[in-house]
Amino acid sequence: MKIDNPGRFAMLRRTLLELPRGELQVGCSSGSLWLTLDHDPRDIVLEAGERISLDGARRVLAYALEDAVLEVMPSRVPVEARGSVWLRPALQAA
């Protein structure tokens, strides 16, 4: 199954998910996950509490080695979102 948005995903053992493309932080908050990246010979295993940054250049599949919770979030906050948070207090004071 392909996911299109960041979020937290409960995965049953032996579940496979295709992650969205883009610069991502991928974490495992419980259980264990195996990540495979297209054209990358490494095997990446995340245990509970571990996280990795991905550059978004390759397709990524996440496989649950046991029941697990996958966390997917953008590596960067969009510039416009950072600016609006930073400017909000200044604009309210004016």
N, C-alpha and C. Protein backbone atom coordinates (compact mmCIF):
# COMPACT_ATOMS: atom_id res chain seq x y z
N MET A 1 0.84 -1.17 0.00
CA MET A 1 0.00 0.00 0.00
C MET A 1 0.90 1.24 0.00
N LYS A 2 0.49 2.26 -0.72
CA LYS A 2 1.25 3.50 -0.81
C LYS A 2 0.61 4.55 0.08
N ILE A 3 1.43 5.24 0.86
CA ILE A 3 0.92 6.35 1.65
C ILE A 3 1.37 7.65 0.98
N ASP A 4 0.52 8.66 1.03
CA ASP A 4 0.80 9.91 0.33
C ASP A 4 1.12 11.08 1.25
N ASN A 5 0.86 10.92 2.54
CA ASN A 5 1.02 12.04 3.46
C ASN A 5 1.84 11.63 4.67
N PRO A 6 2.48 12.60 5.31
CA PRO A 6 3.17 12.31 6.56
C PRO A 6 2.16 11.90 7.63
N GLY A 7 2.64 11.23 8.66
CA GLY A 7 1.77 10.84 9.76
C GLY A 7 2.33 9.66 10.52
N ARG A 8 1.49 9.11 11.40
CA ARG A 8 1.82 7.90 12.17
C ARG A 8 0.96 6.77 11.64
N PHE A 9 1.57 5.63 11.42
CA PHE A 9 0.87 4.51 10.80
C PHE A 9 1.11 3.25 11.61
N ALA A 10 0.03 2.68 12.14
CA ALA A 10 0.13 1.39 12.83
C ALA A 10 0.25 0.31 11.76
N MET A 11 1.27 -0.52 11.90
CA MET A 11 1.52 -1.58 10.91
C MET A 11 1.51 -2.93 11.61
N LEU A 12 0.71 -3.83 11.10
CA LEU A 12 0.73 -5.20 11.60
C LEU A 12 1.96 -5.91 11.05
N ARG A 13 2.39 -6.94 11.74
CA ARG A 13 3.54 -7.74 11.30
C ARG A 13 3.35 -8.13 9.83
N ARG A 14 4.41 -8.03 9.06
CA ARG A 14 4.46 -8.37 7.64
C ARG A 14 3.71 -7.40 6.73
N THR A 15 3.38 -6.22 7.23
CA THR A 15 2.74 -5.19 6.40
C THR A 15 3.82 -4.44 5.64
N LEU A 16 3.52 -4.06 4.40
CA LEU A 16 4.46 -3.33 3.56
C LEU A 16 3.82 -2.01 3.13
N LEU A 17 4.53 -0.90 3.31
CA LEU A 17 4.05 0.41 2.88
C LEU A 17 5.10 1.10 2.03
N GLU A 18 4.65 1.77 0.97
CA GLU A 18 5.53 2.61 0.18
C GLU A 18 5.40 4.04 0.70
N LEU A 19 6.52 4.67 1.03
CA LEU A 19 6.51 5.99 1.63
C LEU A 19 6.43 7.07 0.56
N PRO A 20 5.92 8.26 0.93
CA PRO A 20 5.89 9.36 -0.03
C PRO A 20 7.31 9.81 -0.37
N ARG A 21 7.48 10.36 -1.56
CA ARG A 21 8.80 10.87 -1.94
C ARG A 21 9.01 12.23 -1.31
N GLY A 22 10.27 12.57 -1.12
CA GLY A 22 10.63 13.86 -0.54
C GLY A 22 11.58 13.65 0.62
N GLU A 23 12.14 14.75 1.09
CA GLU A 23 13.04 14.68 2.23
C GLU A 23 12.21 14.38 3.47
N LEU A 24 12.51 13.26 4.11
CA LEU A 24 11.69 12.78 5.22
C LEU A 24 12.51 12.42 6.44
N GLN A 25 11.86 12.51 7.59
CA GLN A 25 12.34 11.89 8.82
C GLN A 25 11.44 10.67 9.00
N VAL A 26 12.03 9.51 9.12
CA VAL A 26 11.27 8.27 9.28
C VAL A 26 11.67 7.67 10.62
N GLY A 27 10.67 7.35 11.43
CA GLY A 27 10.96 6.80 12.74
C GLY A 27 10.09 5.60 13.05
N CYS A 28 10.50 4.90 14.08
CA CYS A 28 9.76 3.74 14.58
C CYS A 28 9.49 4.00 16.05
N SER A 29 8.22 4.18 16.43
CA SER A 29 7.93 4.46 17.83
C SER A 29 7.63 3.20 18.62
N SER A 30 7.35 2.10 17.95
CA SER A 30 7.23 0.80 18.63
C SER A 30 7.45 -0.30 17.61
N GLY A 31 7.87 -1.46 18.09
CA GLY A 31 8.13 -2.59 17.20
C GLY A 31 9.44 -2.42 16.47
N SER A 32 9.52 -3.00 15.26
CA SER A 32 10.72 -2.85 14.43
C SER A 32 10.32 -2.86 12.96
N LEU A 33 11.05 -2.05 12.19
CA LEU A 33 10.77 -1.86 10.78
C LEU A 33 12.02 -2.09 9.96
N TRP A 34 11.83 -2.63 8.78
CA TRP A 34 12.92 -2.79 7.82
C TRP A 34 12.62 -1.83 6.68
N LEU A 35 13.58 -0.95 6.36
CA LEU A 35 13.43 -0.02 5.24
C LEU A 35 14.34 -0.45 4.11
N THR A 36 13.81 -0.41 2.91
CA THR A 36 14.63 -0.68 1.74
C THR A 36 14.45 0.48 0.77
N LEU A 37 15.55 0.94 0.21
CA LEU A 37 15.56 2.06 -0.72
C LEU A 37 15.97 1.54 -2.09
N ASP A 38 15.26 1.96 -3.13
CA ASP A 38 15.62 1.54 -4.49
C ASP A 38 17.08 1.85 -4.78
N HIS A 39 17.76 0.90 -5.38
CA HIS A 39 19.15 1.04 -5.82
C HIS A 39 20.11 1.36 -4.68
N ASP A 40 19.81 0.89 -3.48
CA ASP A 40 20.69 1.09 -2.33
C ASP A 40 20.91 -0.28 -1.71
N PRO A 41 22.15 -0.75 -1.61
CA PRO A 41 22.41 -2.10 -1.12
C PRO A 41 22.23 -2.26 0.40
N ARG A 42 22.08 -1.16 1.12
CA ARG A 42 21.96 -1.26 2.58
C ARG A 42 20.61 -1.81 3.01
N ASP A 43 20.60 -2.50 4.12
CA ASP A 43 19.37 -2.85 4.82
C ASP A 43 19.31 -1.93 6.03
N ILE A 44 18.21 -1.25 6.21
CA ILE A 44 18.05 -0.34 7.34
C ILE A 44 16.96 -0.91 8.24
N VAL A 45 17.32 -1.22 9.47
CA VAL A 45 16.36 -1.71 10.45
C VAL A 45 16.23 -0.66 11.54
N LEU A 46 14.99 -0.23 11.79
CA LEU A 46 14.71 0.71 12.86
C LEU A 46 14.00 -0.01 13.99
N GLU A 47 14.52 0.14 15.18
CA GLU A 47 13.88 -0.38 16.38
C GLU A 47 13.13 0.76 17.05
N ALA A 48 12.30 0.45 18.03
CA ALA A 48 11.52 1.46 18.74
C ALA A 48 12.42 2.59 19.22
N GLY A 49 12.02 3.82 18.91
CA GLY A 49 12.77 5.00 19.33
C GLY A 49 13.82 5.47 18.35
N GLU A 50 14.07 4.73 17.28
CA GLU A 50 15.09 5.12 16.31
C GLU A 50 14.46 5.89 15.15
N ARG A 51 15.29 6.72 14.51
CA ARG A 51 14.83 7.59 13.43
C ARG A 51 15.95 7.75 12.41
N ILE A 52 15.58 8.00 11.17
CA ILE A 52 16.56 8.23 10.10
C ILE A 52 16.06 9.35 9.20
N SER A 53 16.99 10.11 8.64
CA SER A 53 16.67 11.13 7.64
C SER A 53 16.90 10.55 6.26
N LEU A 54 15.94 10.77 5.36
CA LEU A 54 16.05 10.28 3.99
C LEU A 54 16.01 11.47 3.04
N ASP A 55 16.79 11.39 1.97
CA ASP A 55 16.93 12.52 1.05
C ASP A 55 15.83 12.63 0.00
N GLY A 56 14.99 11.64 -0.13
CA GLY A 56 13.88 11.72 -1.07
C GLY A 56 14.20 11.38 -2.50
N ALA A 57 15.43 10.99 -2.77
CA ALA A 57 15.84 10.70 -4.14
C ALA A 57 15.41 9.31 -4.61
N ARG A 58 15.02 8.46 -3.68
CA ARG A 58 14.69 7.07 -4.03
C ARG A 58 13.33 6.67 -3.46
N ARG A 59 12.75 5.66 -4.08
CA ARG A 59 11.53 5.06 -3.53
C ARG A 59 11.91 4.31 -2.26
N VAL A 60 11.07 4.41 -1.23
CA VAL A 60 11.34 3.76 0.05
C VAL A 60 10.16 2.87 0.41
N LEU A 61 10.46 1.63 0.78
CA LEU A 61 9.46 0.69 1.27
C LEU A 61 9.75 0.40 2.73
N ALA A 62 8.69 0.37 3.54
CA ALA A 62 8.81 0.02 4.96
C ALA A 62 8.07 -1.28 5.19
N TYR A 63 8.74 -2.22 5.84
CA TYR A 63 8.17 -3.55 6.12
C TYR A 63 8.20 -3.75 7.63
N ALA A 64 7.08 -4.14 8.21
CA ALA A 64 7.00 -4.37 9.65
C ALA A 64 7.50 -5.78 9.97
N LEU A 65 8.61 -5.85 10.68
CA LEU A 65 9.15 -7.14 11.11
C LEU A 65 8.31 -7.73 12.24
N GLU A 66 7.60 -6.86 12.94
CA GLU A 66 6.63 -7.22 13.97
C GLU A 66 5.62 -6.08 14.00
N ASP A 67 4.56 -6.19 14.78
CA ASP A 67 3.63 -5.06 14.89
C ASP A 67 4.45 -3.82 15.25
N ALA A 68 4.20 -2.72 14.55
CA ALA A 68 5.03 -1.53 14.72
C ALA A 68 4.23 -0.27 14.43
N VAL A 69 4.79 0.86 14.86
CA VAL A 69 4.23 2.16 14.50
C VAL A 69 5.30 2.93 13.75
N LEU A 70 4.98 3.28 12.51
CA LEU A 70 5.85 4.03 11.62
C LEU A 70 5.49 5.50 11.72
N GLU A 71 6.50 6.36 11.85
CA GLU A 71 6.29 7.80 11.85
C GLU A 71 6.99 8.39 10.63
N VAL A 72 6.25 9.15 9.84
CA VAL A 72 6.80 9.78 8.64
C VAL A 72 6.50 11.27 8.72
N MET A 73 7.55 12.09 8.63
CA MET A 73 7.35 13.54 8.65
C MET A 73 8.36 14.22 7.74
N PRO A 74 8.01 15.40 7.23
CA PRO A 74 8.96 16.11 6.38
C PRO A 74 10.21 16.47 7.17
N SER A 75 11.36 16.45 6.50
CA SER A 75 12.61 16.83 7.17
C SER A 75 12.65 18.31 7.47
N ARG A 76 12.02 19.09 6.63
CA ARG A 76 12.05 20.54 6.79
C ARG A 76 10.64 21.09 6.89
N VAL A 77 10.50 22.13 7.67
CA VAL A 77 9.25 22.86 7.72
C VAL A 77 9.29 23.87 6.58
N PRO A 78 8.24 23.96 5.76
CA PRO A 78 8.26 24.91 4.65
C PRO A 78 8.57 26.33 5.13
N VAL A 79 9.29 27.08 4.32
CA VAL A 79 9.72 28.43 4.69
C VAL A 79 8.53 29.30 5.07
N GLU A 80 7.45 29.23 4.29
CA GLU A 80 6.29 30.07 4.59
C GLU A 80 5.68 29.74 5.94
N ALA A 81 5.72 28.47 6.35
CA ALA A 81 5.18 28.09 7.66
C ALA A 81 6.07 28.62 8.78
N ARG A 82 7.39 28.55 8.59
CA ARG A 82 8.31 29.08 9.61
C ARG A 82 8.11 30.57 9.75
N GLY A 83 8.00 31.28 8.64
CA GLY A 83 7.85 32.73 8.69
C GLY A 83 6.57 33.15 9.38
N SER A 84 5.48 32.46 9.08
CA SER A 84 4.21 32.85 9.68
C SER A 84 4.22 32.62 11.18
N VAL A 85 4.85 31.57 11.65
CA VAL A 85 4.95 31.32 13.09
C VAL A 85 5.81 32.40 13.73
N TRP A 86 6.91 32.75 13.09
CA TRP A 86 7.83 33.75 13.62
C TRP A 86 7.21 35.14 13.63
N LEU A 87 6.46 35.48 12.58
CA LEU A 87 5.89 36.81 12.46
C LEU A 87 4.62 37.00 13.28
N ARG A 88 3.93 35.93 13.60
CA ARG A 88 2.64 36.05 14.26
C ARG A 88 2.70 36.92 15.52
N PRO A 89 3.63 36.69 16.47
CA PRO A 89 3.66 37.55 17.66
C PRO A 89 3.92 39.02 17.31
N ALA A 90 4.78 39.28 16.33
CA ALA A 90 5.09 40.66 15.94
C ALA A 90 3.86 41.33 15.34
N LEU A 91 3.12 40.61 14.52
CA LEU A 91 1.93 41.18 13.89
C LEU A 91 0.83 41.43 14.91
N GLN A 92 0.71 40.57 15.90
CA GLN A 92 -0.32 40.74 16.93
C GLN A 92 -0.02 41.95 17.81
N ALA A 93 1.27 42.24 18.01
CA ALA A 93 1.66 43.37 18.86
C ALA A 93 1.45 44.71 18.15
N ALA A 94 1.40 44.69 16.83
CA ALA A 94 1.30 45.96 16.07
C ALA A 94 -0.09 46.54 16.09
